């Protein structure tokens, strides 16, 4: 069930990103630039812009779809937060800088997949896992957020599975 929620969330976020890009492109063709800001406030920022009625009616369905996608993402995020409350490993992972609930649960799902495969039995598997972890936290950083140092060492896989204070 968790993997389904994470996959659905990823698809919805990608759709929302494409809608924003399309809307920006339509407005840019008319010489209108949308100011930067949070993804969820995009429709509000677009509606505050000066544009013709024709252009506003062309962009309106995109903004409505964006708002619906944001609501669906919010509902999935609530389910993900509930999952975090019941998983001690996920709670521990969210204490790492730049690691939120989505990254933590995705990491746990990935490690579970790896544990079932022969790849996990290789000696360098913790290095591969920590490399994935570093890459995924870097990808989740929004372009308008300041980047911060991340914890990603070969010991990451051991950190999340050990008892608090043991690492």
C-alpha atoms as a PDB file:
ATOM      1  CA  UNK A   1       0.000   0.000   0.000  1.00  0.00           C
ATOM      2  CA  UNK A   2       2.815   2.415   0.873  1.00  0.00           C
ATOM      3  CA  UNK A   3       4.519   1.990  -2.492  1.00  0.00           C
ATOM      4  CA  UNK A   4       1.233   2.726  -4.252  1.00  0.00           C
ATOM      5  CA  UNK A   5       0.824   5.982  -2.340  1.00  0.00           C
ATOM      6  CA  UNK A   6       4.409   7.002  -3.061  1.00  0.00           C
ATOM      7  CA  UNK A   7       4.041   6.165  -6.771  1.00  0.00           C
ATOM      8  CA  UNK A   8       0.756   8.038  -7.024  1.00  0.00           C
ATOM      9  CA  UNK A   9       2.264  11.046  -5.284  1.00  0.00           C
ATOM     10  CA  UNK A  10       5.232  11.074  -7.625  1.00  0.00           C
ATOM     11  CA  UNK A  11       2.946  10.944 -10.672  1.00  0.00           C
ATOM     12  CA  UNK A  12       0.767  13.781  -9.339  1.00  0.00           C
ATOM     13  CA  UNK A  13       3.792  15.966  -8.579  1.00  0.00           C
ATOM     14  CA  UNK A  14       5.124  15.389 -12.106  1.00  0.00           C
ATOM     15  CA  UNK A  15       1.743  16.309 -13.584  1.00  0.00           C
ATOM     16  CA  UNK A  16       1.630  19.476 -11.474  1.00  0.00           C
ATOM     17  CA  UNK A  17       5.137  20.415 -12.613  1.00  0.00           C
ATOM     18  CA  UNK A  18       4.145  19.958 -16.261  1.00  0.00           C
ATOM     19  CA  UNK A  19       1.043  22.108 -15.756  1.00  0.00           C
ATOM     20  CA  UNK A  20       3.141  24.886 -14.266  1.00  0.00           C
ATOM     21  CA  UNK A  21       5.607  24.703 -17.163  1.00  0.00           C
ATOM     22  CA  UNK A  22       2.795  24.797 -19.708  1.00  0.00           C
ATOM     23  CA  UNK A  23       1.119  27.742 -18.012  1.00  0.00           C
ATOM     24  CA  UNK A  24       4.410  29.654 -17.817  1.00  0.00           C
ATOM     25  CA  UNK A  25       5.052  28.959 -21.517  1.00  0.00           C
ATOM     26  CA  UNK A  26       1.592  30.227 -22.538  1.00  0.00           C
ATOM     27  CA  UNK A  27       2.071  33.402 -20.517  1.00  0.00           C
ATOM     28  CA  UNK A  28       5.643  33.878 -21.727  1.00  0.00           C
ATOM     29  CA  UNK A  29       4.397  33.867 -25.342  1.00  0.00           C
ATOM     30  CA  UNK A  30       2.401  36.963 -24.422  1.00  0.00           C
ATOM     31  CA  UNK A  31       5.392  38.552 -22.668  1.00  0.00           C
ATOM     32  CA  UNK A  32       4.122  37.868 -19.156  1.00  0.00           C
ATOM     33  CA  UNK A  33       6.494  36.538 -16.521  1.00  0.00           C
ATOM     34  CA  UNK A  34       5.158  34.747 -13.435  1.00  0.00           C
ATOM     35  CA  UNK A  35       7.039  35.731 -10.276  1.00  0.00           C
ATOM     36  CA  UNK A  36       8.729  32.958  -8.307  1.00  0.00           C
ATOM     37  CA  UNK A  37       7.262  31.446  -5.193  1.00  0.00           C
ATOM     38  CA  UNK A  38       5.914  28.287  -3.635  1.00  0.00           C
ATOM     39  CA  UNK A  39       4.391  25.691  -5.948  1.00  0.00           C
ATOM     40  CA  UNK A  40       1.094  25.729  -4.094  1.00  0.00           C
ATOM     41  CA  UNK A  41       0.719  29.504  -4.531  1.00  0.00           C
ATOM     42  CA  UNK A  42       1.244  29.397  -8.307  1.00  0.00           C
ATOM     43  CA  UNK A  43      -2.447  29.881  -9.259  1.00  0.00           C
ATOM     44  CA  UNK A  44      -2.743  32.864  -6.928  1.00  0.00           C
ATOM     45  CA  UNK A  45       0.361  34.500  -8.420  1.00  0.00           C
ATOM     46  CA  UNK A  46      -0.944  33.964 -11.967  1.00  0.00           C
ATOM     47  CA  UNK A  47      -4.387  35.372 -11.168  1.00  0.00           C
ATOM     48  CA  UNK A  48      -2.775  38.552  -9.811  1.00  0.00           C
ATOM     49  CA  UNK A  49      -1.103  39.236 -13.181  1.00  0.00           C
ATOM     50  CA  UNK A  50      -2.504  41.712 -15.699  1.00  0.00           C
ATOM     51  CA  UNK A  51      -3.692  39.801 -18.783  1.00  0.00           C
ATOM     52  CA  UNK A  52      -6.442  39.860 -21.378  1.00  0.00           C
ATOM     53  CA  UNK A  53      -9.725  38.064 -20.782  1.00  0.00           C
ATOM     54  CA  UNK A  54      -8.912  35.678 -23.627  1.00  0.00           C
ATOM     55  CA  UNK A  55      -5.583  34.723 -22.076  1.00  0.00           C
ATOM     56  CA  UNK A  56      -7.119  34.411 -18.612  1.00  0.00           C
ATOM     57  CA  UNK A  57      -9.771  32.039 -19.957  1.00  0.00           C
ATOM     58  CA  UNK A  58      -7.082  29.958 -21.686  1.00  0.00           C
ATOM     59  CA  UNK A  59      -5.054  29.656 -18.474  1.00  0.00           C
ATOM     60  CA  UNK A  60      -8.018  29.113 -16.112  1.00  0.00           C
ATOM     61  CA  UNK A  61      -8.404  25.348 -16.742  1.00  0.00           C
ATOM     62  CA  UNK A  62      -4.698  24.851 -16.100  1.00  0.00           C
ATOM     63  CA  UNK A  63      -4.944  26.688 -12.789  1.00  0.00           C
ATOM     64  CA  UNK A  64      -8.027  24.714 -11.765  1.00  0.00           C
ATOM     65  CA  UNK A  65      -6.248  21.453 -12.574  1.00  0.00           C
ATOM     66  CA  UNK A  66      -3.229  22.643 -10.596  1.00  0.00           C
ATOM     67  CA  UNK A  67      -5.383  23.305  -7.543  1.00  0.00           C
ATOM     68  CA  UNK A  68      -7.032  19.881  -7.819  1.00  0.00           C
ATOM     69  CA  UNK A  69      -3.635  18.192  -8.091  1.00  0.00           C
ATOM     70  CA  UNK A  70      -2.388  20.091  -5.037  1.00  0.00           C
ATOM     71  CA  UNK A  71      -5.413  18.881  -3.069  1.00  0.00           C
ATOM     72  CA  UNK A  72      -4.813  15.275  -4.119  1.00  0.00           C
ATOM     73  CA  UNK A  73      -1.107  15.537  -3.220  1.00  0.00           C
ATOM     74  CA  UNK A  74      -2.111  16.976   0.150  1.00  0.00           C
ATOM     75  CA  UNK A  75      -4.416  14.000   0.794  1.00  0.00           C
ATOM     76  CA  UNK A  76      -1.681  11.510  -0.074  1.00  0.00           C
ATOM     77  CA  UNK A  77       0.784  13.423   2.106  1.00  0.00           C
ATOM     78  CA  UNK A  78      -1.627  13.041   5.033  1.00  0.00           C
ATOM     79  CA  UNK A  79      -1.675   9.275   4.486  1.00  0.00           C
ATOM     80  CA  UNK A  80       2.113   9.249   4.303  1.00  0.00           C
ATOM     81  CA  UNK A  81       2.332  11.183   7.575  1.00  0.00           C
ATOM     82  CA  UNK A  82       0.110   8.568   9.209  1.00  0.00           C
ATOM     83  CA  UNK A  83       2.488   5.870   7.974  1.00  0.00           C
ATOM     84  CA  UNK A  84       5.425   7.690   9.559  1.00  0.00           C
ATOM     85  CA  UNK A  85       3.750   7.594  12.975  1.00  0.00           C
ATOM     86  CA  UNK A  86       3.700   3.790  12.890  1.00  0.00           C
ATOM     87  CA  UNK A  87       7.254   3.198  11.649  1.00  0.00           C
ATOM     88  CA  UNK A  88      10.131   3.763  14.057  1.00  0.00           C
ATOM     89  CA  UNK A  89      12.703   3.562  11.219  1.00  0.00           C
ATOM     90  CA  UNK A  90      10.927   6.331   9.328  1.00  0.00           C
ATOM     91  CA  UNK A  91      10.763   8.526  12.422  1.00  0.00           C
ATOM     92  CA  UNK A  92      14.502   8.071  12.877  1.00  0.00           C
ATOM     93  CA  UNK A  93      15.242   8.870   9.240  1.00  0.00           C
ATOM     94  CA  UNK A  94      13.301  12.130   9.386  1.00  0.00           C
ATOM     95  CA  UNK A  95      15.783  13.397  11.981  1.00  0.00           C
ATOM     96  CA  UNK A  96      18.447  13.553   9.235  1.00  0.00           C
ATOM     97  CA  UNK A  97      18.746  17.065   7.717  1.00  0.00           C
ATOM     98  CA  UNK A  98      16.785  17.462   4.447  1.00  0.00           C
ATOM     99  CA  UNK A  99      14.911  14.175   4.931  1.00  0.00           C
ATOM    100  CA  UNK A 100      11.150  14.430   5.091  1.00  0.00           C
ATOM    101  CA  UNK A 101       8.490  11.798   5.365  1.00  0.00           C
ATOM    102  CA  UNK A 102       8.343  11.063   1.623  1.00  0.00           C
ATOM    103  CA  UNK A 103      12.103  10.516   1.357  1.00  0.00           C
ATOM    104  CA  UNK A 104      12.183   8.402   4.506  1.00  0.00           C
ATOM    105  CA  UNK A 105       9.395   6.078   3.396  1.00  0.00           C
ATOM    106  CA  UNK A 106      10.768   5.846  -0.151  1.00  0.00           C
ATOM    107  CA  UNK A 107      14.143   4.884   1.313  1.00  0.00           C
ATOM    108  CA  UNK A 108      12.558   2.210   3.499  1.00  0.00           C
ATOM    109  CA  UNK A 109      10.643   0.822   0.521  1.00  0.00           C
ATOM    110  CA  UNK A 110      13.865   0.783  -1.531  1.00  0.00           C
ATOM    111  CA  UNK A 111      15.867  -0.973   1.173  1.00  0.00           C
ATOM    112  CA  UNK A 112      13.092  -3.527   1.553  1.00  0.00           C
ATOM    113  CA  UNK A 113      13.317  -4.222  -2.192  1.00  0.00           C
ATOM    114  CA  UNK A 114      17.088  -4.508  -2.001  1.00  0.00           C
ATOM    115  CA  UNK A 115      16.923  -6.798   1.024  1.00  0.00           C
ATOM    116  CA  UNK A 116      14.901  -9.241  -1.048  1.00  0.00           C
ATOM    117  CA  UNK A 117      17.428  -9.282  -3.872  1.00  0.00           C
ATOM    118  CA  UNK A 118      20.894 -10.750  -4.123  1.00  0.00           C
ATOM    119  CA  UNK A 119      22.372  -7.290  -4.654  1.00  0.00           C
ATOM    120  CA  UNK A 120      21.908  -6.558  -0.959  1.00  0.00           C
ATOM    121  CA  UNK A 121      24.216  -9.415  -0.058  1.00  0.00           C
ATOM    122  CA  UNK A 122      27.118  -7.713  -1.820  1.00  0.00           C
ATOM    123  CA  UNK A 123      29.645  -5.961   0.370  1.00  0.00           C
ATOM    124  CA  UNK A 124      29.165  -2.523  -1.288  1.00  0.00           C
ATOM    125  CA  UNK A 125      25.380  -2.409  -0.916  1.00  0.00           C
ATOM    126  CA  UNK A 126      25.453   0.195   1.871  1.00  0.00           C
ATOM    127  CA  UNK A 127      27.499   2.500  -0.377  1.00  0.00           C
ATOM    128  CA  UNK A 128      24.927   2.099  -3.160  1.00  0.00           C
ATOM    129  CA  UNK A 129      22.081   2.798  -0.759  1.00  0.00           C
ATOM    130  CA  UNK A 130      23.733   5.907   0.672  1.00  0.00           C
ATOM    131  CA  UNK A 131      24.464   7.181  -2.861  1.00  0.00           C
ATOM    132  CA  UNK A 132      20.773   6.803  -3.720  1.00  0.00           C
ATOM    133  CA  UNK A 133      19.808   8.522  -0.485  1.00  0.00           C
ATOM    134  CA  UNK A 134      22.074  11.501  -1.220  1.00  0.00           C
ATOM    135  CA  UNK A 135      20.781  11.797  -4.786  1.00  0.00           C
ATOM    136  CA  UNK A 136      17.128  11.612  -3.768  1.00  0.00           C
ATOM    137  CA  UNK A 137      17.424  14.293  -1.096  1.00  0.00           C
ATOM    138  CA  UNK A 138      19.259  16.542  -3.557  1.00  0.00           C
ATOM    139  CA  UNK A 139      16.511  16.088  -6.167  1.00  0.00           C
ATOM    140  CA  UNK A 140      13.748  16.954  -3.723  1.00  0.00           C
ATOM    141  CA  UNK A 141      15.204  20.363  -2.950  1.00  0.00           C
ATOM    142  CA  UNK A 142      13.182  22.998  -4.706  1.00  0.00           C
ATOM    143  CA  UNK A 143      15.012  25.568  -6.799  1.00  0.00           C
ATOM    144  CA  UNK A 144      13.769  28.353  -4.543  1.00  0.00           C
ATOM    145  CA  UNK A 145      14.937  26.748  -1.296  1.00  0.00           C
ATOM    146  CA  UNK A 146      18.400  27.207   0.112  1.00  0.00           C
ATOM    147  CA  UNK A 147      20.439  24.025  -0.031  1.00  0.00           C
ATOM    148  CA  UNK A 148      21.874  22.623   3.153  1.00  0.00           C
ATOM    149  CA  UNK A 149      24.481  19.974   3.904  1.00  0.00           C
ATOM    150  CA  UNK A 150      23.146  16.438   3.883  1.00  0.00           C
ATOM    151  CA  UNK A 151      24.174  13.361   5.770  1.00  0.00           C
ATOM    152  CA  UNK A 152      25.104  10.651   3.273  1.00  0.00           C
ATOM    153  CA  UNK A 153      27.884   8.305   4.218  1.00  0.00           C
ATOM    154  CA  UNK A 154      28.378   4.595   3.680  1.00  0.00           C
ATOM    155  CA  UNK A 155      27.043   4.152   7.212  1.00  0.00           C
ATOM    156  CA  UNK A 156      23.572   5.539   6.352  1.00  0.00           C
ATOM    157  CA  UNK A 157      22.059   2.108   5.892  1.00  0.00           C
ATOM    158  CA  UNK A 158      23.383   1.090   9.283  1.00  0.00           C
ATOM    159  CA  UNK A 159      22.128   4.342  10.903  1.00  0.00           C
ATOM    160  CA  UNK A 160      18.498   3.878  10.036  1.00  0.00           C
ATOM    161  CA  UNK A 161      18.396   0.266  11.146  1.00  0.00           C
ATOM    162  CA  UNK A 162      20.209   0.665  14.467  1.00  0.00           C
ATOM    163  CA  UNK A 163      18.620   1.599  17.757  1.00  0.00           C
ATOM    164  CA  UNK A 164      18.626   5.294  18.714  1.00  0.00           C
ATOM    165  CA  UNK A 165      21.988   6.347  20.091  1.00  0.00           C
ATOM    166  CA  UNK A 166      23.883   3.390  18.608  1.00  0.00           C
ATOM    167  CA  UNK A 167      25.122   5.217  15.566  1.00  0.00           C
END
